[in-house]
């Protein structure tokens, strides 16, 4: 799976895309009565990234989810008449597991051609780009400077692919299971840089100012688009989710959720962002 989803950068201050292996740590889906005794709405099981990618999806010590993506799916369910039952799952193997233990998945999931072979995607709800995280004083100022460097990436992510292409054998990568673990490697000076989505890297840099981290965006980096991943052969669910996304955007719910997690107004997404559901980016 590849991670990676350009919104105006100013609009995502304090913000905040990932696996190919066999399914891991799949929690048993709860029956509807475990979710809400008095709620008779149909239940859809939803995988969320247990390792987290703040502030899109996060989990506490009891694996209770929170974040922008969690609130978004919940709001869509309210509009479309279903209740999401969130199930923690490693990002690695999460898309491969759809249809076996869950109906859809939420994280910072970028639309890519490779992932389309595994799942269907809703219309995009978030636009982003790749970025570099370095400690203050680092000589790295652009993606070209990653050549010959040791770079932390999230395994099977869009960022990993890009670094491999940039380095072309001149340098090394260190695999991580989450953006946060890659950021921690930079903090501990175990790597020269981390490469991932702009949004979560900025989120961590702003929330750990004592670490004096710097986020670098290369204007030549391509845009990525986040979407909800849906199990194959569920056209009615896909239709529901797309309708729900349009509803929460039209009535202001999306803006409120965005403000809650990003502390800024939601940007006006370009028309191409929604079109990304049919034109994959990588």
C-alpha atoms as a PDB file:
ATOM      1  CA  UNK A   1       0.000   0.000   0.000  1.00  0.00           C
ATOM      2  CA  UNK A   2       1.227   3.440  -0.653  1.00  0.00           C
ATOM      3  CA  UNK A   3       0.585   6.446   1.541  1.00  0.00           C
ATOM      4  CA  UNK A   4       1.090   9.595   0.822  1.00  0.00           C
ATOM      5  CA  UNK A   5      -2.862  12.846   0.020  1.00  0.00           C
ATOM      6  CA  UNK A   6      -1.527  20.458  -2.596  1.00  0.00           C
ATOM      7  CA  UNK A   7      -3.645  22.505  -0.472  1.00  0.00           C
ATOM      8  CA  UNK A   8      -2.466  26.004   0.277  1.00  0.00           C
ATOM      9  CA  UNK A   9       0.278  25.361   2.778  1.00  0.00           C
ATOM     10  CA  UNK A  10      -0.784  28.234   4.990  1.00  0.00           C
ATOM     11  CA  UNK A  11      -4.127  26.537   5.421  1.00  0.00           C
ATOM     12  CA  UNK A  12      -2.627  23.492   7.071  1.00  0.00           C
ATOM     13  CA  UNK A  13      -0.476  24.983   9.782  1.00  0.00           C
ATOM     14  CA  UNK A  14      -0.450  22.778  12.830  1.00  0.00           C
ATOM     15  CA  UNK A  15      -1.679  19.813  10.747  1.00  0.00           C
ATOM     16  CA  UNK A  16      -1.030  17.327  10.344  1.00  0.00           C
ATOM     17  CA  UNK A  17      -0.525   8.828   3.068  1.00  0.00           C
ATOM     18  CA  UNK A  18       1.066   2.895   3.339  1.00  0.00           C
ATOM     19  CA  UNK A  19       1.188  -1.774   3.038  1.00  0.00           C
ATOM     20  CA  UNK A  20       1.538  -4.894   0.896  1.00  0.00           C
ATOM     21  CA  UNK A  21       2.053  -7.755   3.347  1.00  0.00           C
ATOM     22  CA  UNK A  22      -0.313 -10.278   4.839  1.00  0.00           C
ATOM     23  CA  UNK A  23      -3.058  -9.019   7.147  1.00  0.00           C
ATOM     24  CA  UNK A  24      -1.820  -8.469  10.695  1.00  0.00           C
ATOM     25  CA  UNK A  25      -3.466  -7.925  14.062  1.00  0.00           C
ATOM     26  CA  UNK A  26      -7.032  -8.010  12.789  1.00  0.00           C
ATOM     27  CA  UNK A  27      -9.465  -7.377  15.617  1.00  0.00           C
ATOM     28  CA  UNK A  28     -12.669  -9.395  15.619  1.00  0.00           C
ATOM     29  CA  UNK A  29     -15.577  -7.228  14.404  1.00  0.00           C
ATOM     30  CA  UNK A  30     -18.072  -6.377  17.085  1.00  0.00           C
ATOM     31  CA  UNK A  31     -21.713  -7.153  16.558  1.00  0.00           C
ATOM     32  CA  UNK A  32     -24.081  -4.242  16.309  1.00  0.00           C
ATOM     33  CA  UNK A  33     -25.375  -4.790  19.846  1.00  0.00           C
ATOM     34  CA  UNK A  34     -21.852  -4.266  21.180  1.00  0.00           C
ATOM     35  CA  UNK A  35     -21.638  -0.948  19.380  1.00  0.00           C
ATOM     36  CA  UNK A  36     -24.902   0.657  20.380  1.00  0.00           C
ATOM     37  CA  UNK A  37     -27.737  -1.231  22.076  1.00  0.00           C
ATOM     38  CA  UNK A  38     -30.465   1.185  21.071  1.00  0.00           C
ATOM     39  CA  UNK A  39     -29.189   2.076  17.615  1.00  0.00           C
ATOM     40  CA  UNK A  40     -30.966   0.103  14.915  1.00  0.00           C
ATOM     41  CA  UNK A  41     -29.040   1.568  11.983  1.00  0.00           C
ATOM     42  CA  UNK A  42     -27.038  -0.890   9.853  1.00  0.00           C
ATOM     43  CA  UNK A  43     -23.413  -1.221  10.917  1.00  0.00           C
ATOM     44  CA  UNK A  44     -20.374  -1.008   8.653  1.00  0.00           C
ATOM     45  CA  UNK A  45     -17.066  -2.283   9.999  1.00  0.00           C
ATOM     46  CA  UNK A  46     -14.293   0.268   9.487  1.00  0.00           C
ATOM     47  CA  UNK A  47     -10.585  -0.441   9.781  1.00  0.00           C
ATOM     48  CA  UNK A  48      -8.508   2.404  11.173  1.00  0.00           C
ATOM     49  CA  UNK A  49      -4.723   2.631  11.359  1.00  0.00           C
ATOM     50  CA  UNK A  50      -3.794   1.494  14.864  1.00  0.00           C
ATOM     51  CA  UNK A  51      -0.340   3.096  14.569  1.00  0.00           C
ATOM     52  CA  UNK A  52      -1.958   6.442  13.836  1.00  0.00           C
ATOM     53  CA  UNK A  53      -1.181   9.336  11.576  1.00  0.00           C
ATOM     54  CA  UNK A  54      -2.045  12.491  13.483  1.00  0.00           C
ATOM     55  CA  UNK A  55      -4.395  14.155  13.371  1.00  0.00           C
ATOM     56  CA  UNK A  56      -6.206  11.957  10.843  1.00  0.00           C
ATOM     57  CA  UNK A  57      -6.475   8.801  12.936  1.00  0.00           C
ATOM     58  CA  UNK A  58      -5.169   8.105  16.421  1.00  0.00           C
ATOM     59  CA  UNK A  59      -5.810   5.479  19.073  1.00  0.00           C
ATOM     60  CA  UNK A  60      -5.556   5.619  22.846  1.00  0.00           C
ATOM     61  CA  UNK A  61      -4.234   2.856  25.108  1.00  0.00           C
ATOM     62  CA  UNK A  62      -7.535   0.986  24.751  1.00  0.00           C
ATOM     63  CA  UNK A  63      -7.516   1.329  20.948  1.00  0.00           C
ATOM     64  CA  UNK A  64     -10.363   3.836  21.030  1.00  0.00           C
ATOM     65  CA  UNK A  65     -10.095   5.933  17.855  1.00  0.00           C
ATOM     66  CA  UNK A  66     -10.144   9.684  17.378  1.00  0.00           C
ATOM     67  CA  UNK A  67      -9.092  12.159  14.725  1.00  0.00           C
ATOM     68  CA  UNK A  68     -10.236  13.982  11.613  1.00  0.00           C
ATOM     69  CA  UNK A  69     -10.927  10.808   9.657  1.00  0.00           C
ATOM     70  CA  UNK A  70     -12.866   9.205  12.500  1.00  0.00           C
ATOM     71  CA  UNK A  71     -15.099  12.259  12.865  1.00  0.00           C
ATOM     72  CA  UNK A  72     -15.574  12.423   9.092  1.00  0.00           C
ATOM     73  CA  UNK A  73     -16.732   8.804   8.776  1.00  0.00           C
ATOM     74  CA  UNK A  74     -19.009   9.222  11.795  1.00  0.00           C
ATOM     75  CA  UNK A  75     -20.579  12.342  10.266  1.00  0.00           C
ATOM     76  CA  UNK A  76     -21.080  10.571   6.938  1.00  0.00           C
ATOM     77  CA  UNK A  77     -22.802   7.747   8.789  1.00  0.00           C
ATOM     78  CA  UNK A  78     -25.115  10.233  10.470  1.00  0.00           C
ATOM     79  CA  UNK A  79     -26.087  11.679   7.085  1.00  0.00           C
ATOM     80  CA  UNK A  80     -26.461   8.342   5.319  1.00  0.00           C
ATOM     81  CA  UNK A  81     -28.086   6.343   8.078  1.00  0.00           C
ATOM     82  CA  UNK A  82     -25.399   3.876   9.147  1.00  0.00           C
ATOM     83  CA  UNK A  83     -23.200   3.427  12.191  1.00  0.00           C
ATOM     84  CA  UNK A  84     -19.452   2.869  11.752  1.00  0.00           C
ATOM     85  CA  UNK A  85     -17.885   0.203  13.956  1.00  0.00           C
ATOM     86  CA  UNK A  86     -14.195   1.102  14.141  1.00  0.00           C
ATOM     87  CA  UNK A  87     -11.715  -1.787  14.257  1.00  0.00           C
ATOM     88  CA  UNK A  88      -7.970  -1.221  14.872  1.00  0.00           C
ATOM     89  CA  UNK A  89      -5.610  -2.680  12.285  1.00  0.00           C
ATOM     90  CA  UNK A  90      -1.990  -2.228  11.268  1.00  0.00           C
ATOM     91  CA  UNK A  91      -1.711  -0.072   8.177  1.00  0.00           C
ATOM     92  CA  UNK A  92       0.352  -2.817   6.582  1.00  0.00           C
ATOM     93  CA  UNK A  93      -2.154  -5.306   5.267  1.00  0.00           C
ATOM     94  CA  UNK A  94      -5.147  -3.093   5.993  1.00  0.00           C
ATOM     95  CA  UNK A  95      -6.271  -2.615   2.408  1.00  0.00           C
ATOM     96  CA  UNK A  96      -5.626  -6.241   1.585  1.00  0.00           C
ATOM     97  CA  UNK A  97      -7.897  -7.159   4.482  1.00  0.00           C
ATOM     98  CA  UNK A  98     -10.909  -5.197   3.294  1.00  0.00           C
ATOM     99  CA  UNK A  99     -13.814  -7.444   2.466  1.00  0.00           C
ATOM    100  CA  UNK A 100     -12.568 -10.043   4.946  1.00  0.00           C
ATOM    101  CA  UNK A 101     -13.018  -8.225   8.244  1.00  0.00           C
ATOM    102  CA  UNK A 102     -14.232  -4.759   7.307  1.00  0.00           C
ATOM    103  CA  UNK A 103     -16.202  -2.850   4.679  1.00  0.00           C
ATOM    104  CA  UNK A 104     -14.047   0.266   4.470  1.00  0.00           C
ATOM    105  CA  UNK A 105     -10.881   1.798   5.898  1.00  0.00           C
ATOM    106  CA  UNK A 106      -9.903   5.249   7.108  1.00  0.00           C
ATOM    107  CA  UNK A 107      -6.436   6.734   7.582  1.00  0.00           C
ATOM    108  CA  UNK A 108      -4.362   9.101   5.482  1.00  0.00           C
ATOM    109  CA  UNK A 109      -4.821   6.838   2.465  1.00  0.00           C
ATOM    110  CA  UNK A 110      -3.558   8.231  -0.827  1.00  0.00           C
ATOM    111  CA  UNK A 111      -5.146   7.143  -4.068  1.00  0.00           C
ATOM    112  CA  UNK A 112      -2.690   5.187  -6.199  1.00  0.00           C
ATOM    113  CA  UNK A 113      -3.000   2.855  -9.180  1.00  0.00           C
ATOM    114  CA  UNK A 114      -1.491  -0.014  -7.195  1.00  0.00           C
ATOM    115  CA  UNK A 115      -4.064   0.356  -4.439  1.00  0.00           C
ATOM    116  CA  UNK A 116      -6.894   0.458  -6.973  1.00  0.00           C
ATOM    117  CA  UNK A 117      -6.155  -3.173  -7.706  1.00  0.00           C
ATOM    118  CA  UNK A 118      -7.020  -3.928  -4.074  1.00  0.00           C
ATOM    119  CA  UNK A 119      -9.856  -1.557  -3.208  1.00  0.00           C
ATOM    120  CA  UNK A 120     -12.234   1.062  -4.539  1.00  0.00           C
ATOM    121  CA  UNK A 121     -11.863   4.680  -3.478  1.00  0.00           C
ATOM    122  CA  UNK A 122     -14.388   7.343  -2.622  1.00  0.00           C
ATOM    123  CA  UNK A 123     -14.028  10.835  -4.003  1.00  0.00           C
ATOM    124  CA  UNK A 124     -11.064  12.558  -2.417  1.00  0.00           C
ATOM    125  CA  UNK A 125     -11.657  14.569   0.742  1.00  0.00           C
ATOM    126  CA  UNK A 126      -8.121  15.861   1.348  1.00  0.00           C
ATOM    127  CA  UNK A 127      -5.259  17.181  -0.794  1.00  0.00           C
ATOM    128  CA  UNK A 128      -1.620  17.192   0.293  1.00  0.00           C
ATOM    129  CA  UNK A 129       1.962  16.763  -0.871  1.00  0.00           C
ATOM    130  CA  UNK A 130       5.158  15.098   0.316  1.00  0.00           C
ATOM    131  CA  UNK A 131       7.643  16.883   2.565  1.00  0.00           C
ATOM    132  CA  UNK A 132      10.938  16.463   4.404  1.00  0.00           C
ATOM    133  CA  UNK A 133      11.448  16.729   8.166  1.00  0.00           C
ATOM    134  CA  UNK A 134      14.936  17.645   9.361  1.00  0.00           C
ATOM    135  CA  UNK A 135      16.516  18.967  12.563  1.00  0.00           C
ATOM    136  CA  UNK A 136      17.373  22.645  12.750  1.00  0.00           C
ATOM    137  CA  UNK A 137      20.721  23.345  11.071  1.00  0.00           C
ATOM    138  CA  UNK A 138      20.467  20.452   8.634  1.00  0.00           C
ATOM    139  CA  UNK A 139      22.123  21.063   5.239  1.00  0.00           C
ATOM    140  CA  UNK A 140      19.125  19.426   3.544  1.00  0.00           C
ATOM    141  CA  UNK A 141      16.987  22.027   1.755  1.00  0.00           C
ATOM    142  CA  UNK A 142      15.357  20.056  -1.093  1.00  0.00           C
ATOM    143  CA  UNK A 143      14.519  16.547  -2.193  1.00  0.00           C
ATOM    144  CA  UNK A 144      17.696  16.457  -4.280  1.00  0.00           C
ATOM    145  CA  UNK A 145      19.666  16.685  -1.018  1.00  0.00           C
ATOM    146  CA  UNK A 146      18.297  13.299   0.066  1.00  0.00           C
ATOM    147  CA  UNK A 147      20.841  11.628  -2.191  1.00  0.00           C
ATOM    148  CA  UNK A 148      23.519   9.974  -0.094  1.00  0.00           C
ATOM    149  CA  UNK A 149      21.469  10.441   3.094  1.00  0.00           C
ATOM    150  CA  UNK A 150      19.789   8.101   5.541  1.00  0.00           C
ATOM    151  CA  UNK A 151      16.058   8.773   5.355  1.00  0.00           C
ATOM    152  CA  UNK A 152      13.232   7.457   7.535  1.00  0.00           C
ATOM    153  CA  UNK A 153      10.061   6.489   5.630  1.00  0.00           C
ATOM    154  CA  UNK A 154       6.843   4.635   6.350  1.00  0.00           C
ATOM    155  CA  UNK A 155       7.043   1.159   4.899  1.00  0.00           C
ATOM    156  CA  UNK A 156       5.127   0.664   1.641  1.00  0.00           C
ATOM    157  CA  UNK A 157       4.231   4.348   1.441  1.00  0.00           C
ATOM    158  CA  UNK A 158       4.169   6.793  -1.443  1.00  0.00           C
ATOM    159  CA  UNK A 159       7.030   8.544   0.354  1.00  0.00           C
ATOM    160  CA  UNK A 160       9.142   5.414   0.272  1.00  0.00           C
ATOM    161  CA  UNK A 161       8.700   5.128  -3.494  1.00  0.00           C
ATOM    162  CA  UNK A 162       9.656   8.748  -4.006  1.00  0.00           C
ATOM    163  CA  UNK A 163      12.820   8.546  -1.891  1.00  0.00           C
ATOM    164  CA  UNK A 164      13.946   5.413  -3.717  1.00  0.00           C
ATOM    165  CA  UNK A 165      13.471   7.225  -7.035  1.00  0.00           C
ATOM    166  CA  UNK A 166      15.301  10.332  -5.790  1.00  0.00           C
ATOM    167  CA  UNK A 167      18.236   8.427  -4.336  1.00  0.00           C
ATOM    168  CA  UNK A 168      18.523   5.979  -7.240  1.00  0.00           C
ATOM    169  CA  UNK A 169      20.796   3.784  -5.161  1.00  0.00           C
ATOM    170  CA  UNK A 170      22.762   6.681  -3.652  1.00  0.00           C
ATOM    171  CA  UNK A 171      21.622   6.668  -0.031  1.00  0.00           C
ATOM    172  CA  UNK A 172      19.557   4.483   2.275  1.00  0.00           C
ATOM    173  CA  UNK A 173      16.083   4.296   3.763  1.00  0.00           C
ATOM    174  CA  UNK A 174      14.917   3.118   7.176  1.00  0.00           C
ATOM    175  CA  UNK A 175      11.458   1.543   7.320  1.00  0.00           C
ATOM    176  CA  UNK A 176       8.964   2.574   9.983  1.00  0.00           C
ATOM    177  CA  UNK A 177       5.434   1.473  10.790  1.00  0.00           C
ATOM    178  CA  UNK A 178       4.160   5.030  11.298  1.00  0.00           C
ATOM    179  CA  UNK A 179       4.974   8.676  10.601  1.00  0.00           C
ATOM    180  CA  UNK A 180       5.432   9.225  14.324  1.00  0.00           C
ATOM    181  CA  UNK A 181       8.153   6.574  14.582  1.00  0.00           C
ATOM    182  CA  UNK A 182       9.924   8.143  11.582  1.00  0.00           C
ATOM    183  CA  UNK A 183       9.734  11.547  13.282  1.00  0.00           C
ATOM    184  CA  UNK A 184      11.171  10.068  16.468  1.00  0.00           C
ATOM    185  CA  UNK A 185      14.158   8.777  14.517  1.00  0.00           C
ATOM    186  CA  UNK A 186      14.880  12.330  13.407  1.00  0.00           C
ATOM    187  CA  UNK A 187      14.541  13.526  17.008  1.00  0.00           C
ATOM    188  CA  UNK A 188      17.039  10.895  18.156  1.00  0.00           C
ATOM    189  CA  UNK A 189      19.350  11.798  15.268  1.00  0.00           C
ATOM    190  CA  UNK A 190      19.315   8.201  14.028  1.00  0.00           C
ATOM    191  CA  UNK A 191      18.581   9.415  10.489  1.00  0.00           C
ATOM    192  CA  UNK A 192      19.292  12.543   8.464  1.00  0.00           C
ATOM    193  CA  UNK A 193      15.652  13.184   7.599  1.00  0.00           C
ATOM    194  CA  UNK A 194      12.136  11.782   7.475  1.00  0.00           C
ATOM    195  CA  UNK A 195      10.058  11.856   4.300  1.00  0.00           C
ATOM    196  CA  UNK A 196       6.290  11.670   4.433  1.00  0.00           C
ATOM    197  CA  UNK A 197       3.094  13.715   3.992  1.00  0.00           C
ATOM    198  CA  UNK A 198       3.305  17.411   4.704  1.00  0.00           C
ATOM    199  CA  UNK A 199       0.311  17.405   7.020  1.00  0.00           C
ATOM    200  CA  UNK A 200       1.430  14.970   9.746  1.00  0.00           C
ATOM    201  CA  UNK A 201       5.043  16.150   9.602  1.00  0.00           C
ATOM    202  CA  UNK A 202       3.878  19.720  10.224  1.00  0.00           C
ATOM    203  CA  UNK A 203       1.584  18.534  13.006  1.00  0.00           C
ATOM    204  CA  UNK A 204       4.481  16.919  14.861  1.00  0.00           C
ATOM    205  CA  UNK A 205       6.903  19.787  14.223  1.00  0.00           C
ATOM    206  CA  UNK A 206       4.379  22.247  15.673  1.00  0.00           C
ATOM    207  CA  UNK A 207       3.591  20.049  18.663  1.00  0.00           C
ATOM    208  CA  UNK A 208       7.227  19.360  19.560  1.00  0.00           C
ATOM    209  CA  UNK A 209       8.768  22.793  19.152  1.00  0.00           C
ATOM    210  CA  UNK A 210      11.440  21.997  21.744  1.00  0.00           C
ATOM    211  CA  UNK A 211      12.897  19.530  19.233  1.00  0.00           C
ATOM    212  CA  UNK A 212      13.495  22.379  16.746  1.00  0.00           C
ATOM    213  CA  UNK A 213      12.338  20.469  13.695  1.00  0.00           C
ATOM    214  CA  UNK A 214      11.932  22.006  10.257  1.00  0.00           C
ATOM    215  CA  UNK A 215       9.531  20.940   7.497  1.00  0.00           C
ATOM    216  CA  UNK A 216      10.659  21.442   3.903  1.00  0.00           C
ATOM    217  CA  UNK A 217       8.260  21.314   0.977  1.00  0.00           C
ATOM    218  CA  UNK A 218       9.693  20.906  -2.505  1.00  0.00           C
ATOM    219  CA  UNK A 219       7.434  22.798  -4.939  1.00  0.00           C
ATOM    220  CA  UNK A 220       8.122  20.130  -7.555  1.00  0.00           C
ATOM    221  CA  UNK A 221       6.584  17.383  -5.409  1.00  0.00           C
ATOM    222  CA  UNK A 222       3.330  16.037  -6.884  1.00  0.00           C
ATOM    223  CA  UNK A 223      -0.001  16.366  -5.142  1.00  0.00           C
ATOM    224  CA  UNK A 224      -1.596  13.432  -3.385  1.00  0.00           C
ATOM    225  CA  UNK A 225      -5.250  12.880  -2.577  1.00  0.00           C
ATOM    226  CA  UNK A 226      -6.653  11.100   0.460  1.00  0.00           C
ATOM    227  CA  UNK A 227      -9.843   9.075   0.225  1.00  0.00           C
ATOM    228  CA  UNK A 228     -11.740   6.377   2.072  1.00  0.00           C
ATOM    229  CA  UNK A 229     -10.910   2.870   0.890  1.00  0.00           C
ATOM    230  CA  UNK A 230     -13.867   0.572   0.199  1.00  0.00           C
ATOM    231  CA  UNK A 231     -13.928  -3.182  -0.229  1.00  0.00           C
ATOM    232  CA  UNK A 232     -14.358  -4.293  -3.829  1.00  0.00           C
ATOM    233  CA  UNK A 233     -17.828  -5.146  -5.127  1.00  0.00           C
ATOM    234  CA  UNK A 234     -19.685  -2.808  -2.760  1.00  0.00           C
ATOM    235  CA  UNK A 235     -21.082  -0.232  -5.229  1.00  0.00           C
ATOM    236  CA  UNK A 236     -23.980   0.811  -2.976  1.00  0.00           C
ATOM    237  CA  UNK A 237     -21.654   1.532  -0.053  1.00  0.00           C
ATOM    238  CA  UNK A 238     -19.346   3.502  -2.337  1.00  0.00           C
ATOM    239  CA  UNK A 239     -22.325   5.513  -3.562  1.00  0.00           C
ATOM    240  CA  UNK A 240     -23.444   6.172   0.025  1.00  0.00           C
ATOM    241  CA  UNK A 241     -20.022   7.356   1.102  1.00  0.00           C
ATOM    242  CA  UNK A 242     -19.626   9.706  -1.867  1.00  0.00           C
ATOM    243  CA  UNK A 243     -23.080  11.149  -1.231  1.00  0.00           C
ATOM    244  CA  UNK A 244     -22.198  11.577   2.439  1.00  0.00           C
ATOM    245  CA  UNK A 245     -18.964  13.391   1.621  1.00  0.00           C
ATOM    246  CA  UNK A 246     -20.902  15.841  -0.535  1.00  0.00           C
ATOM    247  CA  UNK A 247     -23.492  16.326   2.211  1.00  0.00           C
ATOM    248  CA  UNK A 248     -21.004  17.122   4.978  1.00  0.00           C
ATOM    249  CA  UNK A 249     -19.203  19.557   2.685  1.00  0.00           C
ATOM    250  CA  UNK A 250     -22.430  21.267   1.637  1.00  0.00           C
ATOM    251  CA  UNK A 251     -23.890  21.759   5.136  1.00  0.00           C
ATOM    252  CA  UNK A 252     -20.696  22.959   6.840  1.00  0.00           C
ATOM    253  CA  UNK A 253     -20.024  19.800   8.862  1.00  0.00           C
ATOM    254  CA  UNK A 254     -16.747  19.158   7.035  1.00  0.00           C
ATOM    255  CA  UNK A 255     -15.575  22.703   7.812  1.00  0.00           C
ATOM    256  CA  UNK A 256     -16.301  22.233  11.520  1.00  0.00           C
ATOM    257  CA  UNK A 257     -14.411  18.949  11.653  1.00  0.00           C
ATOM    258  CA  UNK A 258     -11.466  20.492   9.799  1.00  0.00           C
ATOM    259  CA  UNK A 259     -11.370  23.479  12.169  1.00  0.00           C
ATOM    260  CA  UNK A 260     -11.472  21.154  15.176  1.00  0.00           C
ATOM    261  CA  UNK A 261      -8.399  19.171  14.154  1.00  0.00           C
ATOM    262  CA  UNK A 262      -6.336  21.618  12.101  1.00  0.00           C
ATOM    263  CA  UNK A 263      -7.169  24.875  13.931  1.00  0.00           C
ATOM    264  CA  UNK A 264      -7.680  26.676  10.619  1.00  0.00           C
ATOM    265  CA  UNK A 265     -10.372  27.108   7.989  1.00  0.00           C
ATOM    266  CA  UNK A 266     -10.756  24.287   5.507  1.00  0.00           C
ATOM    267  CA  UNK A 267      -9.222  25.200   2.157  1.00  0.00           C
ATOM    268  CA  UNK A 268     -11.305  25.272  -0.986  1.00  0.00           C
ATOM    269  CA  UNK A 269     -10.181  22.128  -2.726  1.00  0.00           C
ATOM    270  CA  UNK A 270      -9.545  22.335  -6.435  1.00  0.00           C
ATOM    271  CA  UNK A 271     -11.924  20.445  -8.689  1.00  0.00           C
ATOM    272  CA  UNK A 272      -9.119  18.080  -9.619  1.00  0.00           C
ATOM    273  CA  UNK A 273      -9.067  16.782  -6.049  1.00  0.00           C
ATOM    274  CA  UNK A 274     -12.446  15.124  -6.410  1.00  0.00           C
ATOM    275  CA  UNK A 275     -11.462  13.945  -9.854  1.00  0.00           C
ATOM    276  CA  UNK A 276      -8.540  12.166  -8.233  1.00  0.00           C
ATOM    277  CA  UNK A 277     -10.897   9.320  -7.437  1.00  0.00           C
ATOM    278  CA  UNK A 278     -10.878   8.527 -11.132  1.00  0.00           C
ATOM    279  CA  UNK A 279      -7.399   9.763 -12.018  1.00  0.00           C
ATOM    280  CA  UNK A 280      -4.980   8.124  -9.621  1.00  0.00           C
ATOM    281  CA  UNK A 281      -1.869   9.844  -8.344  1.00  0.00           C
ATOM    282  CA  UNK A 282       1.301   8.220  -7.128  1.00  0.00           C
END
